Amino acid sequence: MTANIIDGKAIAQTIREQIGSEVGRFTQESGVVPHLAAVLVGDDPASAVYVRNKQRASEKASIKSTLHRLPAETTQAELLELVDRCNTDADIHGILVQLPLPEGIDETAILDSVSPWKDVDAFHPDNVGRIVQGRPRFLPCTPHGIQQLLRQGGVSTIGAHAVVVGRSEIVGKPMGLLLIQRGVGADATVTICHSKTRDLAAITRTADILIAAIGRPRFVTAEMVKPGAVVIDVGVNRVDEKLVGDVDFEAVREVASAITPVPGGVGPMTIAMLMKNTLVAAKLAAQRR
């Protein structure tokens, strides 16, 4: 068996085109251009690439994008002041603070300071709580992108055992929350594993859908995967100047029924969902006027 490749790049392209059409209709009807403000602190090369890709995707979807680039020496108070200005600027609908932030800045305090109505990453506790209750304002970009990959890849989640390796606030926890909800792309039985999980391989081998988001290159081996499972690789690690995922791709693709590549899998979907959330934020702002 050789796994089918779930092409996140192609699926994201289709979704972005659909979002671009929706943005055009919304702007024509309302006169409002959705506007995403991105904040980049410091000069981390990977972060700069991520933000640049998000800006390019915004432009292609006819979404206005503004980058606030700040030096690494920026204080927490200065960053909070900028976020506050973006919060009160009616022309800005979505705010993205690129992580990680430099040492000395409390990431939680910064993310909590973003208005829940402009929190297009869905990190604010108000938005997280709404996800828990099954009535989200925004859906977290990477987990929602994974849901779309599964749907577009023809993978049924209904009654499936989904194992998520990793419990981060960005991917692991919200991924579990989305999959356990009722409805399309959900209704799964979910297990979340982490660094303290006992006999991890025994659990991952029970997964119909295995989602690796642990941040360790090629951590998931073929022996950890049930034959025929669907494997979603969220990891982005640089090894010998090459990007690799959290899954040993070449070995696991001989066991799985479907797998996402790195790059070209989950990453493009995250950006597509960010565009979708920015449009939703603009629509919500128009309704609240």
C-alpha atoms as a PDB file:
ATOM      1  CA  MET A   1       0.000   0.000   0.000  1.00  0.00           C
ATOM      2  CA  THR A   2       1.209   3.473  -0.880  1.00  0.00           C
ATOM      3  CA  ALA A   3      -0.778   6.337   0.621  1.00  0.00           C
ATOM      4  CA  ASN A   4      -2.682   8.869  -1.415  1.00  0.00           C
ATOM      5  CA  ILE A   5      -1.182  12.333  -1.031  1.00  0.00           C
ATOM      6  CA  ILE A   6      -3.636  14.917   0.305  1.00  0.00           C
ATOM      7  CA  ASP A   7      -2.572  18.010  -1.631  1.00  0.00           C
ATOM      8  CA  GLY A   8      -3.099  20.912   0.741  1.00  0.00           C
ATOM      9  CA  LYS A   9      -1.643  23.391  -1.710  1.00  0.00           C
ATOM     10  CA  ALA A  10      -4.240  22.590  -4.393  1.00  0.00           C
ATOM     11  CA  ILE A  11      -7.141  22.452  -1.932  1.00  0.00           C
ATOM     12  CA  ALA A  12      -6.095  25.764  -0.359  1.00  0.00           C
ATOM     13  CA  GLN A  13      -5.891  27.376  -3.786  1.00  0.00           C
ATOM     14  CA  THR A  14      -9.498  26.400  -4.518  1.00  0.00           C
ATOM     15  CA  ILE A  15     -10.665  27.681  -1.136  1.00  0.00           C
ATOM     16  CA  ARG A  16      -8.792  30.979  -1.553  1.00  0.00           C
ATOM     17  CA  GLU A  17     -10.438  31.501  -4.933  1.00  0.00           C
ATOM     18  CA  GLN A  18     -13.841  30.934  -3.354  1.00  0.00           C
ATOM     19  CA  ILE A  19     -13.006  33.376  -0.566  1.00  0.00           C
ATOM     20  CA  GLY A  20     -11.844  35.932  -3.144  1.00  0.00           C
ATOM     21  CA  SER A  21     -15.224  35.702  -4.879  1.00  0.00           C
ATOM     22  CA  GLU A  22     -17.024  36.101  -1.533  1.00  0.00           C
ATOM     23  CA  VAL A  23     -14.876  39.119  -0.675  1.00  0.00           C
ATOM     24  CA  GLY A  24     -15.736  40.702  -4.019  1.00  0.00           C
ATOM     25  CA  ARG A  25     -19.474  40.260  -3.457  1.00  0.00           C
ATOM     26  CA  PHE A  26     -19.249  41.504   0.129  1.00  0.00           C
ATOM     27  CA  THR A  27     -17.280  44.606  -0.861  1.00  0.00           C
ATOM     28  CA  GLN A  28     -19.670  45.383  -3.711  1.00  0.00           C
ATOM     29  CA  GLU A  29     -22.704  45.093  -1.435  1.00  0.00           C
ATOM     30  CA  SER A  30     -21.291  46.818   1.648  1.00  0.00           C
ATOM     31  CA  GLY A  31     -18.543  49.094   0.348  1.00  0.00           C
ATOM     32  CA  VAL A  32     -16.242  47.549   2.965  1.00  0.00           C
ATOM     33  CA  VAL A  33     -12.873  46.001   2.130  1.00  0.00           C
ATOM     34  CA  PRO A  34     -11.838  43.366   4.696  1.00  0.00           C
ATOM     35  CA  HIS A  35      -8.616  44.499   6.353  1.00  0.00           C
ATOM     36  CA  LEU A  36      -6.054  42.325   8.153  1.00  0.00           C
ATOM     37  CA  ALA A  37      -3.404  43.957  10.338  1.00  0.00           C
ATOM     38  CA  ALA A  38      -0.347  41.773  10.929  1.00  0.00           C
ATOM     39  CA  VAL A  39       2.152  42.508  13.697  1.00  0.00           C
ATOM     40  CA  LEU A  40       5.697  41.174  13.412  1.00  0.00           C
ATOM     41  CA  VAL A  41       8.113  41.821  16.273  1.00  0.00           C
ATOM     42  CA  GLY A  42      11.796  41.137  15.751  1.00  0.00           C
ATOM     43  CA  ASP A  43      13.579  39.578  12.788  1.00  0.00           C
ATOM     44  CA  ASP A  44      12.962  35.837  13.096  1.00  0.00           C
ATOM     45  CA  PRO A  45      13.417  34.565   9.496  1.00  0.00           C
ATOM     46  CA  ALA A  46      10.679  31.916   9.673  1.00  0.00           C
ATOM     47  CA  SER A  47       8.176  34.399  11.082  1.00  0.00           C
ATOM     48  CA  ALA A  48       9.007  36.872   8.330  1.00  0.00           C
ATOM     49  CA  VAL A  49       8.328  34.190   5.694  1.00  0.00           C
ATOM     50  CA  TYR A  50       5.009  33.251   7.310  1.00  0.00           C
ATOM     51  CA  VAL A  51       3.848  36.864   7.427  1.00  0.00           C
ATOM     52  CA  ARG A  52       4.920  37.495   3.832  1.00  0.00           C
ATOM     53  CA  ASN A  53       2.950  34.448   2.671  1.00  0.00           C
ATOM     54  CA  LYS A  54      -0.104  35.655   4.572  1.00  0.00           C
ATOM     55  CA  GLN A  55       0.188  39.093   2.977  1.00  0.00           C
ATOM     56  CA  ARG A  56       0.425  37.602  -0.506  1.00  0.00           C
ATOM     57  CA  ALA A  57      -2.615  35.420   0.136  1.00  0.00           C
ATOM     58  CA  SER A  58      -4.529  38.480   1.353  1.00  0.00           C
ATOM     59  CA  GLU A  59      -3.752  40.424  -1.790  1.00  0.00           C
ATOM     60  CA  LYS A  60      -4.867  37.536  -4.012  1.00  0.00           C
ATOM     61  CA  ALA A  61      -8.158  37.344  -2.094  1.00  0.00           C
ATOM     62  CA  SER A  62      -8.704  41.136  -2.423  1.00  0.00           C
ATOM     63  CA  ILE A  63      -8.209  41.559   1.329  1.00  0.00           C
ATOM     64  CA  LYS A  64      -6.332  44.654   2.464  1.00  0.00           C
ATOM     65  CA  SER A  65      -3.221  43.768   4.449  1.00  0.00           C
ATOM     66  CA  THR A  66      -1.150  46.063   6.649  1.00  0.00           C
ATOM     67  CA  LEU A  67       2.114  44.955   8.245  1.00  0.00           C
ATOM     68  CA  HIS A  68       3.302  46.559  11.472  1.00  0.00           C
ATOM     69  CA  ARG A  69       6.951  45.574  11.723  1.00  0.00           C
ATOM     70  CA  LEU A  70       8.569  46.328  15.082  1.00  0.00           C
ATOM     71  CA  PRO A  71      12.170  45.887  16.273  1.00  0.00           C
ATOM     72  CA  ALA A  72      13.117  43.093  18.656  1.00  0.00           C
ATOM     73  CA  GLU A  73      13.716  45.706  21.354  1.00  0.00           C
ATOM     74  CA  THR A  74      10.015  46.639  21.410  1.00  0.00           C
ATOM     75  CA  THR A  75       8.644  46.589  24.947  1.00  0.00           C
ATOM     76  CA  GLN A  76       5.480  44.842  26.015  1.00  0.00           C
ATOM     77  CA  ALA A  77       3.876  48.202  26.778  1.00  0.00           C
ATOM     78  CA  GLU A  78       4.638  49.459  23.258  1.00  0.00           C
ATOM     79  CA  LEU A  79       3.200  46.315  21.707  1.00  0.00           C
ATOM     80  CA  LEU A  80       0.065  46.548  23.840  1.00  0.00           C
ATOM     81  CA  GLU A  81      -0.344  50.156  22.712  1.00  0.00           C
ATOM     82  CA  LEU A  82      -0.178  49.112  19.052  1.00  0.00           C
ATOM     83  CA  VAL A  83      -2.721  46.325  19.568  1.00  0.00           C
ATOM     84  CA  ASP A  84      -5.027  48.794  21.299  1.00  0.00           C
ATOM     85  CA  ARG A  85      -4.802  51.172  18.328  1.00  0.00           C
ATOM     86  CA  CYS A  86      -5.690  48.331  15.983  1.00  0.00           C
ATOM     87  CA  ASN A  87      -8.570  47.336  18.243  1.00  0.00           C
ATOM     88  CA  THR A  88     -10.082  50.810  18.072  1.00  0.00           C
ATOM     89  CA  ASP A  89      -9.470  51.354  14.347  1.00  0.00           C
ATOM     90  CA  ALA A  90     -12.813  50.641  12.661  1.00  0.00           C
ATOM     91  CA  ASP A  91     -11.035  50.140   9.324  1.00  0.00           C
ATOM     92  CA  ILE A  92      -9.210  47.059  10.695  1.00  0.00           C
ATOM     93  CA  HIS A  93     -11.247  43.867  10.949  1.00  0.00           C
ATOM     94  CA  GLY A  94      -8.651  41.244  11.833  1.00  0.00           C
ATOM     95  CA  ILE A  95      -5.493  41.365  13.942  1.00  0.00           C
ATOM     96  CA  LEU A  96      -2.706  38.802  13.650  1.00  0.00           C
ATOM     97  CA  VAL A  97       0.194  38.884  16.111  1.00  0.00           C
ATOM     98  CA  GLN A  98       2.877  36.598  14.696  1.00  0.00           C
ATOM     99  CA  LEU A  99       4.367  34.169  17.197  1.00  0.00           C
ATOM    100  CA  PRO A 100       6.836  33.602  18.726  1.00  0.00           C
ATOM    101  CA  LEU A 101       7.421  36.975  20.354  1.00  0.00           C
ATOM    102  CA  PRO A 102      10.846  38.054  21.685  1.00  0.00           C
ATOM    103  CA  GLU A 103      11.878  37.186  25.223  1.00  0.00           C
ATOM    104  CA  GLY A 104      10.516  39.570  27.823  1.00  0.00           C
ATOM    105  CA  ILE A 105       7.086  39.849  26.207  1.00  0.00           C
ATOM    106  CA  ASP A 106       4.232  37.869  27.734  1.00  0.00           C
ATOM    107  CA  GLU A 107       2.557  36.195  24.755  1.00  0.00           C
ATOM    108  CA  THR A 108      -0.599  35.418  26.715  1.00  0.00           C
ATOM    109  CA  ALA A 109      -1.016  39.048  27.759  1.00  0.00           C
ATOM    110  CA  ILE A 110      -0.619  40.203  24.158  1.00  0.00           C
ATOM    111  CA  LEU A 111      -3.025  37.646  22.702  1.00  0.00           C
ATOM    112  CA  ASP A 112      -5.582  38.388  25.424  1.00  0.00           C
ATOM    113  CA  SER A 113      -5.391  42.088  24.537  1.00  0.00           C
ATOM    114  CA  VAL A 114      -6.655  41.503  20.978  1.00  0.00           C
ATOM    115  CA  SER A 115     -10.370  42.239  20.658  1.00  0.00           C
ATOM    116  CA  PRO A 116     -12.359  38.971  20.485  1.00  0.00           C
ATOM    117  CA  TRP A 117     -14.137  40.452  17.443  1.00  0.00           C
ATOM    118  CA  LYS A 118     -10.800  40.892  15.616  1.00  0.00           C
ATOM    119  CA  ASP A 119      -9.069  37.762  16.926  1.00  0.00           C
ATOM    120  CA  VAL A 120      -8.828  35.938  13.577  1.00  0.00           C
ATOM    121  CA  ASP A 121      -6.442  33.349  15.057  1.00  0.00           C
ATOM    122  CA  ALA A 122      -9.124  32.376  17.620  1.00  0.00           C
ATOM    123  CA  PHE A 123      -6.646  32.534  20.513  1.00  0.00           C
ATOM    124  CA  HIS A 124      -8.640  34.831  22.825  1.00  0.00           C
ATOM    125  CA  PRO A 125     -10.209  32.992  25.795  1.00  0.00           C
ATOM    126  CA  ASP A 126     -13.632  34.330  24.807  1.00  0.00           C
ATOM    127  CA  ASN A 127     -13.324  32.704  21.392  1.00  0.00           C
ATOM    128  CA  VAL A 128     -11.845  29.499  22.809  1.00  0.00           C
ATOM    129  CA  GLY A 129     -14.781  29.239  25.215  1.00  0.00           C
ATOM    130  CA  ARG A 130     -17.233  29.633  22.358  1.00  0.00           C
ATOM    131  CA  ILE A 131     -15.496  26.802  20.488  1.00  0.00           C
ATOM    132  CA  VAL A 132     -15.812  24.559  23.561  1.00  0.00           C
ATOM    133  CA  GLN A 133     -19.552  25.250  23.634  1.00  0.00           C
ATOM    134  CA  GLY A 134     -19.952  24.551  19.930  1.00  0.00           C
ATOM    135  CA  ARG A 135     -20.935  28.110  18.970  1.00  0.00           C
ATOM    136  CA  PRO A 136     -17.724  29.602  17.563  1.00  0.00           C
ATOM    137  CA  ARG A 137     -17.222  33.135  16.340  1.00  0.00           C
ATOM    138  CA  PHE A 138     -14.010  32.132  14.564  1.00  0.00           C
ATOM    139  CA  LEU A 139     -12.502  28.694  14.065  1.00  0.00           C
ATOM    140  CA  PRO A 140      -8.755  28.263  14.777  1.00  0.00           C
ATOM    141  CA  CYS A 141      -6.903  28.388  11.473  1.00  0.00           C
ATOM    142  CA  THR A 142      -4.745  25.259  11.524  1.00  0.00           C
ATOM    143  CA  PRO A 143      -7.314  22.881  13.069  1.00  0.00           C
ATOM    144  CA  HIS A 144     -10.042  24.208  10.770  1.00  0.00           C
ATOM    145  CA  GLY A 145      -7.684  23.794   7.826  1.00  0.00           C
ATOM    146  CA  ILE A 146      -7.125  20.171   8.834  1.00  0.00           C
ATOM    147  CA  GLN A 147     -10.869  19.616   8.979  1.00  0.00           C
ATOM    148  CA  GLN A 148     -11.150  20.940   5.442  1.00  0.00           C
ATOM    149  CA  LEU A 149      -8.283  18.703   4.278  1.00  0.00           C
ATOM    150  CA  LEU A 150     -10.080  15.666   5.684  1.00  0.00           C
ATOM    151  CA  ARG A 151     -13.368  16.655   4.060  1.00  0.00           C
ATOM    152  CA  GLN A 152     -11.845  17.463   0.687  1.00  0.00           C
ATOM    153  CA  GLY A 153      -9.758  14.297   0.886  1.00  0.00           C
ATOM    154  CA  GLY A 154     -12.912  12.235   1.287  1.00  0.00           C
ATOM    155  CA  VAL A 155     -12.063  11.135   4.831  1.00  0.00           C
ATOM    156  CA  SER A 156     -15.078  10.494   7.063  1.00  0.00           C
ATOM    157  CA  THR A 157     -14.607  11.539  10.684  1.00  0.00           C
ATOM    158  CA  ILE A 158     -17.963  10.188  11.897  1.00  0.00           C
ATOM    159  CA  GLY A 159     -17.269   7.637  14.609  1.00  0.00           C
ATOM    160  CA  ALA A 160     -13.574   7.509  13.687  1.00  0.00           C
ATOM    161  CA  HIS A 161     -10.903   7.332  16.374  1.00  0.00           C
ATOM    162  CA  ALA A 162      -8.788  10.444  15.933  1.00  0.00           C
ATOM    163  CA  VAL A 163      -5.507  10.581  17.855  1.00  0.00           C
ATOM    164  CA  VAL A 164      -3.836  13.982  18.182  1.00  0.00           C
ATOM    165  CA  VAL A 165      -0.171  13.913  19.190  1.00  0.00           C
ATOM    166  CA  GLY A 166       0.485  17.265  20.867  1.00  0.00           C
ATOM    167  CA  ARG A 167      -1.505  19.442  23.272  1.00  0.00           C
ATOM    168  CA  SER A 168      -0.559  22.971  22.246  1.00  0.00           C
ATOM    169  CA  GLU A 169      -3.016  25.849  22.483  1.00  0.00           C
ATOM    170  CA  ILE A 170      -2.556  26.499  18.746  1.00  0.00           C
ATOM    171  CA  VAL A 171      -3.138  23.015  17.310  1.00  0.00           C
ATOM    172  CA  GLY A 172      -3.493  20.079  19.713  1.00  0.00           C
ATOM    173  CA  LYS A 173      -6.198  21.241  22.102  1.00  0.00           C
ATOM    174  CA  PRO A 174      -8.397  23.099  19.561  1.00  0.00           C
ATOM    175  CA  MET A 175      -8.028  20.210  17.091  1.00  0.00           C
ATOM    176  CA  GLY A 176      -9.531  17.877  19.644  1.00  0.00           C
ATOM    177  CA  LEU A 177     -12.322  20.348  20.355  1.00  0.00           C
ATOM    178  CA  LEU A 178     -13.293  20.643  16.691  1.00  0.00           C
ATOM    179  CA  LEU A 179     -13.268  16.910  16.019  1.00  0.00           C
ATOM    180  CA  ILE A 180     -15.414  16.089  19.039  1.00  0.00           C
ATOM    181  CA  GLN A 181     -18.197  18.521  18.111  1.00  0.00           C
ATOM    182  CA  ARG A 182     -21.387  17.467  16.354  1.00  0.00           C
ATOM    183  CA  GLY A 183     -21.608  18.024  12.620  1.00  0.00           C
ATOM    184  CA  VAL A 184     -19.707  17.865   9.351  1.00  0.00           C
ATOM    185  CA  GLY A 185     -16.007  17.110   9.738  1.00  0.00           C
ATOM    186  CA  ALA A 186     -16.488  16.115  13.359  1.00  0.00           C
ATOM    187  CA  ASP A 187     -18.373  13.468  15.404  1.00  0.00           C
ATOM    188  CA  ALA A 188     -15.070  11.678  16.033  1.00  0.00           C
ATOM    189  CA  THR A 189     -13.865   9.897  19.153  1.00  0.00           C
ATOM    190  CA  VAL A 190     -10.774  11.844  20.196  1.00  0.00           C
ATOM    191  CA  THR A 191      -7.634  10.990  22.140  1.00  0.00           C
ATOM    192  CA  ILE A 192      -5.029  13.683  22.792  1.00  0.00           C
ATOM    193  CA  CYS A 193      -1.512  12.456  23.538  1.00  0.00           C
ATOM    194  CA  HIS A 194       1.469  14.409  24.851  1.00  0.00           C
ATOM    195  CA  SER A 195       4.961  14.089  26.301  1.00  0.00           C
ATOM    196  CA  LYS A 196       3.691  12.344  29.442  1.00  0.00           C
ATOM    197  CA  THR A 197       1.544   9.791  27.606  1.00  0.00           C
ATOM    198  CA  ARG A 198       2.454   6.200  28.495  1.00  0.00           C
ATOM    199  CA  ASP A 199       3.118   3.766  25.642  1.00  0.00           C
ATOM    200  CA  LEU A 200       2.405   6.351  22.990  1.00  0.00           C
ATOM    201  CA  ALA A 201       2.909   3.973  20.071  1.00  0.00           C
ATOM    202  CA  ALA A 202       0.235   1.616  21.405  1.00  0.00           C
ATOM    203  CA  ILE A 203      -2.270   4.477  21.324  1.00  0.00           C
ATOM    204  CA  THR A 204      -1.286   5.901  17.944  1.00  0.00           C
ATOM    205  CA  ARG A 205      -1.654   2.416  16.414  1.00  0.00           C
ATOM    206  CA  THR A 206      -5.365   2.534  17.307  1.00  0.00           C
ATOM    207  CA  ALA A 207      -5.952   5.728  15.295  1.00  0.00           C
ATOM    208  CA  ASP A 208      -8.100   5.821  12.194  1.00  0.00           C
ATOM    209  CA  ILE A 209      -6.948   9.436  11.831  1.00  0.00           C
ATOM    210  CA  LEU A 210      -3.534  10.343  13.266  1.00  0.00           C
ATOM    211  CA  ILE A 211      -2.648  14.036  13.581  1.00  0.00           C
ATOM    212  CA  ALA A 212       0.992  14.763  14.439  1.00  0.00           C
ATOM    213  CA  ALA A 213       1.608  18.188  15.985  1.00  0.00           C
ATOM    214  CA  ILE A 214       4.442  17.609  18.408  1.00  0.00           C
ATOM    215  CA  GLY A 215       7.240  19.701  16.871  1.00  0.00           C
ATOM    216  CA  ARG A 216       9.811  16.897  16.604  1.00  0.00           C
ATOM    217  CA  PRO A 217      11.167  15.990  13.172  1.00  0.00           C
ATOM    218  CA  ARG A 218      10.159  12.567  11.810  1.00  0.00           C
ATOM    219  CA  PHE A 219       8.925  11.555  15.261  1.00  0.00           C
ATOM    220  CA  VAL A 220       6.029   9.402  14.011  1.00  0.00           C
ATOM    221  CA  THR A 221       7.426   6.227  12.471  1.00  0.00           C
ATOM    222  CA  ALA A 222       5.738   3.522  10.418  1.00  0.00           C
ATOM    223  CA  GLU A 223       5.575   1.257  13.482  1.00  0.00           C
ATOM    224  CA  MET A 224       3.354   3.845  15.196  1.00  0.00           C
ATOM    225  CA  VAL A 225       0.714   3.847  12.452  1.00  0.00           C
ATOM    226  CA  LYS A 226      -2.168   1.431  11.920  1.00  0.00           C
ATOM    227  CA  PRO A 227      -2.287   0.097   8.346  1.00  0.00           C
ATOM    228  CA  GLY A 228      -4.790   2.127   6.365  1.00  0.00           C
ATOM    229  CA  ALA A 229      -4.859   5.082   8.763  1.00  0.00           C
ATOM    230  CA  VAL A 230      -5.047   8.683   7.540  1.00  0.00           C
ATOM    231  CA  VAL A 231      -2.018  10.690   8.706  1.00  0.00           C
ATOM    232  CA  ILE A 232      -2.023  14.488   8.973  1.00  0.00           C
ATOM    233  CA  ASP A 233       1.409  16.041   9.534  1.00  0.00           C
ATOM    234  CA  VAL A 234       1.314  19.496  11.134  1.00  0.00           C
ATOM    235  CA  GLY A 235       5.023  19.729  11.883  1.00  0.00           C
ATOM    236  CA  VAL A 236       7.423  22.107  10.173  1.00  0.00           C
ATOM    237  CA  ASN A 237      11.022  21.396  11.119  1.00  0.00           C
ATOM    238  CA  ARG A 238      14.244  22.363   9.376  1.00  0.00           C
ATOM    239  CA  VAL A 239      16.754  19.521   9.167  1.00  0.00           C
ATOM    240  CA  ASP A 240      19.931  19.936   7.092  1.00  0.00           C
ATOM    241  CA  GLU A 241      18.385  22.956   5.313  1.00  0.00           C
ATOM    242  CA  LYS A 242      15.345  20.890   4.373  1.00  0.00           C
ATOM    243  CA  LEU A 243      11.780  21.234   5.675  1.00  0.00           C
ATOM    244  CA  VAL A 244      10.436  18.021   7.191  1.00  0.00           C
ATOM    245  CA  GLY A 245       7.360  17.213   9.213  1.00  0.00           C
ATOM    246  CA  ASP A 246       6.729  15.384  12.475  1.00  0.00           C
ATOM    247  CA  VAL A 247       6.125  12.207  10.446  1.00  0.00           C
ATOM    248  CA  ASP A 248       8.705   9.968   8.787  1.00  0.00           C
ATOM    249  CA  PHE A 249       6.975  10.586   5.457  1.00  0.00           C
ATOM    250  CA  GLU A 250       8.627   8.028   3.184  1.00  0.00           C
ATOM    251  CA  ALA A 251       8.199   5.148   5.622  1.00  0.00           C
ATOM    252  CA  VAL A 252       4.704   6.053   6.825  1.00  0.00           C
ATOM    253  CA  ARG A 253       3.298   6.543   3.325  1.00  0.00           C
ATOM    254  CA  GLU A 254       3.840   2.807   2.767  1.00  0.00           C
ATOM    255  CA  VAL A 255       1.499   2.049   5.695  1.00  0.00           C
ATOM    256  CA  ALA A 256      -1.123   4.806   5.652  1.00  0.00           C
ATOM    257  CA  SER A 257      -4.033   5.123   3.227  1.00  0.00           C
ATOM    258  CA  ALA A 258      -3.624   8.901   2.931  1.00  0.00           C
ATOM    259  CA  ILE A 259      -1.032  11.402   4.161  1.00  0.00           C
ATOM    260  CA  THR A 260      -0.240  15.111   3.964  1.00  0.00           C
ATOM    261  CA  PRO A 261       3.219  16.209   2.777  1.00  0.00           C
ATOM    262  CA  VAL A 262       5.518  18.819   4.301  1.00  0.00           C
ATOM    263  CA  PRO A 263       5.629  21.331   2.780  1.00  0.00           C
ATOM    264  CA  GLY A 264       2.419  21.580   0.783  1.00  0.00           C
ATOM    265  CA  GLY A 265       0.016  19.993   3.245  1.00  0.00           C
ATOM    266  CA  VAL A 266      -1.388  21.743   6.297  1.00  0.00           C
ATOM    267  CA  GLY A 267       0.537  25.032   5.908  1.00  0.00           C
ATOM    268  CA  PRO A 268      -1.362  26.460   2.910  1.00  0.00           C
ATOM    269  CA  MET A 269      -4.662  25.526   4.567  1.00  0.00           C
ATOM    270  CA  THR A 270      -3.804  27.538   7.672  1.00  0.00           C
ATOM    271  CA  ILE A 271      -3.369  30.650   5.551  1.00  0.00           C
ATOM    272  CA  ALA A 272      -6.592  29.977   3.632  1.00  0.00           C
ATOM    273  CA  MET A 273      -8.544  29.732   6.898  1.00  0.00           C
ATOM    274  CA  LEU A 274      -6.980  32.991   8.077  1.00  0.00           C
ATOM    275  CA  MET A 275      -8.398  34.658   4.971  1.00  0.00           C
ATOM    276  CA  LYS A 276     -11.794  33.140   5.720  1.00  0.00           C
ATOM    277  CA  ASN A 277     -11.729  34.416   9.302  1.00  0.00           C
ATOM    278  CA  THR A 278     -10.800  37.916   8.147  1.00  0.00           C
ATOM    279  CA  LEU A 279     -13.836  37.961   5.865  1.00  0.00           C
ATOM    280  CA  VAL A 280     -16.030  36.710   8.727  1.00  0.00           C
ATOM    281  CA  ALA A 281     -14.640  39.457  10.978  1.00  0.00           C
ATOM    282  CA  ALA A 282     -15.472  42.104   8.354  1.00  0.00           C
ATOM    283  CA  LYS A 283     -19.032  40.770   8.028  1.00  0.00           C
ATOM    284  CA  LEU A 284     -19.481  40.770  11.820  1.00  0.00           C
ATOM    285  CA  ALA A 285     -18.223  44.356  12.002  1.00  0.00           C
ATOM    286  CA  ALA A 286     -20.699  45.413   9.303  1.00  0.00           C
ATOM    287  CA  GLN A 287     -23.551  43.781  11.213  1.00  0.00           C
ATOM    288  CA  ARG A 288     -22.581  45.548  14.450  1.00  0.00           C
ATOM    289  CA  ARG A 289     -22.623  49.024  12.940  1.00  0.00           C
END
